[in-house]
Amino acid sequence: MRWGGRLTRIAGRFTRPEPRGRAREYVSGLMSGLERKNGWTQAERAGDVSPDGMQRLLRKADWDVDGVRDDVRGYVIEHLGDPAAVVIADDTGFLKKGRKSAGVQRQYSGTAGRIENCQIGVFLAYTSQHGHALIDRQLYVPESWTSDRDRCADAGIPGDVETPLTAHSPGRGTE
């Protein structure tokens, strides 16, 4: 079965057919052999001239993001489930140049191995003898952001988001 057929599980999470089709292209790109998977490479693979459509899907389209996450998690458990499975949490830094990307600040990035201007994403992966998959994600939003609600609003961060205790290993901080 191709990935498109498996996406029927999440189809109802999209209110319109356009983002549903875009999601099909996006997931197909993630499952493809693309060496680098970012907005530009995903768009080019889908035949688009810019990443605008992929970015619109991820930022502004009307769909149930948490519902899709739950559906994916259910699919993973059904197909990879094992009593000896483990869940792995890992934070990843995404280096940035500016100050406007949600959650960006100078902070420790394991990706860079030092303090850099970056965003931190925290990811959960499920792994068993049958395979592995990402099952959850969250952007770490530092206190420098959550204490500035106007800045959060400008970046599309909901007003109820709070800073967790840490996104990093003990001993790693921010600057």
Protein backbone atom coordinates (compact mmCIF):
# COMPACT_ATOMS: atom_id res chain seq x y z
CA MET A 1 0.00 0.00 0.00
CA ARG A 2 1.31 3.43 -0.88
CA TRP A 3 1.48 6.14 1.78
CA GLY A 4 -1.42 8.00 0.21
CA GLY A 5 -3.76 5.13 1.14
CA ARG A 6 -2.59 5.18 4.72
CA LEU A 7 -3.38 8.88 4.97
CA THR A 8 -7.12 8.17 4.90
CA ARG A 9 -6.77 7.72 8.68
CA ILE A 10 -6.06 11.44 9.09
CA ALA A 11 -8.14 12.80 6.19
CA GLY A 12 -10.99 13.87 8.47
CA ARG A 13 -8.62 16.11 10.46
CA PHE A 14 -8.54 18.59 7.54
CA THR A 15 -11.52 20.86 6.93
CA ARG A 16 -10.74 21.47 3.24
CA PRO A 17 -9.40 19.27 0.43
CA GLU A 18 -6.47 21.59 -0.42
CA PRO A 19 -4.59 21.17 2.89
CA ARG A 20 -5.46 17.46 2.84
CA GLY A 21 -3.73 17.16 -0.55
CA ARG A 22 -0.83 19.28 0.63
CA ALA A 23 -0.47 17.02 3.69
CA ARG A 24 -0.33 14.00 1.37
CA GLU A 25 2.52 15.65 -0.55
CA TYR A 26 4.26 16.66 2.67
CA VAL A 27 4.15 13.17 4.20
CA SER A 28 5.19 11.60 0.90
CA GLY A 29 8.18 13.94 0.87
CA LEU A 30 9.09 12.97 4.44
CA MET A 31 8.96 9.30 3.47
CA SER A 32 10.95 9.85 0.28
CA GLY A 33 14.64 9.46 -0.28
CA LEU A 34 15.28 13.21 -0.29
CA GLU A 35 18.70 13.85 1.22
CA ARG A 36 17.53 17.05 2.94
CA LYS A 37 13.94 17.54 3.97
CA ASN A 38 13.00 21.19 4.38
CA GLY A 39 10.37 23.53 2.98
CA TRP A 40 12.24 24.11 -0.27
CA THR A 41 13.08 20.48 -1.02
CA GLN A 42 9.56 19.37 -0.07
CA ALA A 43 8.06 22.02 -2.36
CA GLU A 44 10.33 21.14 -5.28
CA ARG A 45 9.48 17.46 -4.90
CA ALA A 46 5.76 18.37 -4.98
CA GLY A 47 6.29 20.44 -8.17
CA ASP A 48 5.87 23.82 -6.49
CA VAL A 49 8.04 26.85 -7.31
CA SER A 50 8.37 27.99 -3.67
CA PRO A 51 7.83 26.59 -0.17
CA ASP A 52 4.85 28.89 0.45
CA GLY A 53 2.25 26.11 0.20
CA MET A 54 4.11 23.80 2.59
CA GLN A 55 4.65 26.66 5.03
CA ARG A 56 0.98 27.61 4.79
CA LEU A 57 0.02 24.02 5.65
CA LEU A 58 2.23 24.02 8.73
CA ARG A 59 1.46 27.55 9.93
CA LYS A 60 -1.99 28.69 8.83
CA ALA A 61 -4.13 25.95 7.31
CA ASP A 62 -7.17 24.82 9.29
CA TRP A 63 -6.50 21.28 10.51
CA ASP A 64 -6.43 19.38 13.79
CA VAL A 65 -2.69 19.21 14.49
CA ASP A 66 -3.03 17.37 17.81
CA GLY A 67 -5.60 14.99 16.32
CA VAL A 68 -3.18 14.05 13.52
CA ARG A 69 -0.47 13.51 16.15
CA ASP A 70 -2.82 11.20 18.07
CA ASP A 71 -3.73 9.31 14.87
CA VAL A 72 -0.06 8.86 13.97
CA ARG A 73 0.71 7.66 17.49
CA GLY A 74 -2.15 5.15 17.26
CA TYR A 75 -0.88 3.91 13.90
CA VAL A 76 2.64 3.51 15.29
CA ILE A 77 1.42 1.54 18.31
CA GLU A 78 -0.74 -0.71 16.09
CA HIS A 79 2.10 -1.48 13.69
CA LEU A 80 5.25 -1.22 15.83
CA GLY A 81 3.81 -1.97 19.26
CA ASP A 82 5.86 -4.17 21.56
CA PRO A 83 5.93 -4.53 25.37
CA ALA A 84 9.71 -4.03 25.28
CA ALA A 85 9.48 -0.82 23.24
CA VAL A 86 11.02 2.40 24.53
CA VAL A 87 10.16 6.07 24.13
CA ILE A 88 13.10 8.39 23.55
CA ALA A 89 13.00 12.14 24.22
CA ASP A 90 15.52 14.35 22.46
CA ASP A 91 15.91 18.07 21.96
CA THR A 92 17.27 19.43 18.72
CA GLY A 93 18.50 22.93 17.96
CA PHE A 94 17.57 24.73 14.75
CA LEU A 95 20.08 27.51 14.13
CA LYS A 96 18.53 30.85 13.22
CA LYS A 97 19.88 34.26 12.20
CA GLY A 98 17.05 36.56 13.29
CA ARG A 99 14.90 37.18 16.36
CA LYS A 100 11.38 36.71 14.96
CA SER A 101 11.12 32.92 14.62
CA ALA A 102 9.01 31.56 17.48
CA GLY A 103 11.10 30.72 20.55
CA VAL A 104 14.43 31.78 19.08
CA GLN A 105 17.13 33.09 21.42
CA ARG A 106 20.78 32.49 22.26
CA GLN A 107 20.72 29.12 24.01
CA TYR A 108 22.60 25.85 24.12
CA SER A 109 22.15 23.77 21.00
CA GLY A 110 23.29 20.16 21.06
CA THR A 111 23.23 20.30 17.27
CA ALA A 112 25.90 23.03 17.29
CA GLY A 113 27.56 21.86 20.53
CA ARG A 114 27.56 25.40 21.92
CA ILE A 115 25.36 28.39 22.69
CA GLU A 116 23.89 29.74 19.47
CA ASN A 117 20.91 31.75 18.28
CA CYS A 118 18.40 28.96 17.75
CA GLN A 119 15.03 27.37 18.33
CA ILE A 120 14.80 24.15 20.35
CA GLY A 121 12.41 21.41 19.33
CA VAL A 122 11.73 18.55 21.73
CA PHE A 123 10.81 15.26 20.05
CA LEU A 124 9.52 11.89 21.25
CA ALA A 125 10.34 8.76 19.29
CA TYR A 126 8.90 5.27 19.78
CA THR A 127 11.23 2.38 19.01
CA SER A 128 10.75 -1.37 19.11
CA GLN A 129 12.12 -4.43 17.40
CA HIS A 130 9.58 -3.73 14.63
CA GLY A 131 10.81 -0.22 13.78
CA HIS A 132 10.80 3.36 15.01
CA ALA A 133 8.84 6.56 14.45
CA LEU A 134 8.40 10.07 15.79
CA ILE A 135 5.22 10.29 17.86
CA ASP A 136 5.24 13.81 19.32
CA ARG A 137 6.93 17.20 19.12
CA GLN A 138 6.92 20.48 20.96
CA LEU A 139 8.67 23.79 20.46
CA TYR A 140 10.53 24.86 23.59
CA VAL A 141 9.40 28.42 24.30
CA PRO A 142 11.90 30.13 26.64
CA GLU A 143 10.93 32.55 29.42
CA SER A 144 12.26 35.48 27.38
CA TRP A 145 9.32 34.77 25.06
CA THR A 146 6.56 33.76 27.48
CA SER A 147 7.13 36.92 29.51
CA ASP A 148 6.53 39.01 26.35
CA ARG A 149 2.99 38.13 25.21
CA ASP A 150 3.04 40.66 22.37
CA ARG A 151 6.12 38.98 20.90
CA CYS A 152 4.42 35.59 21.30
CA ALA A 153 1.29 36.84 19.55
CA ASP A 154 3.33 38.25 16.65
CA ALA A 155 4.98 34.83 16.20
CA GLY A 156 1.71 32.88 16.48
CA ILE A 157 2.44 31.39 19.92
CA PRO A 158 -0.82 30.88 21.85
CA GLY A 159 -1.28 33.01 24.97
CA ASP A 160 -1.55 30.01 27.30
CA VAL A 161 1.92 28.60 26.47
CA GLU A 162 4.25 28.54 29.46
CA THR A 163 7.97 27.87 29.70
CA PRO A 164 8.75 24.32 30.86
CA LEU A 165 11.43 23.82 33.50
CA THR A 166 14.09 23.02 30.88
CA ALA A 167 14.58 21.80 27.35
CA HIS A 168 18.16 20.76 27.96
CA SER A 169 20.26 18.31 29.90
CA PRO A 170 21.33 19.39 33.42
CA GLY A 171 24.11 21.94 33.39
CA ARG A 172 23.17 23.38 30.02
CA GLY A 173 21.69 26.85 30.10
CA THR A 174 20.88 29.92 28.14
CA GLU A 175 22.76 33.12 27.63
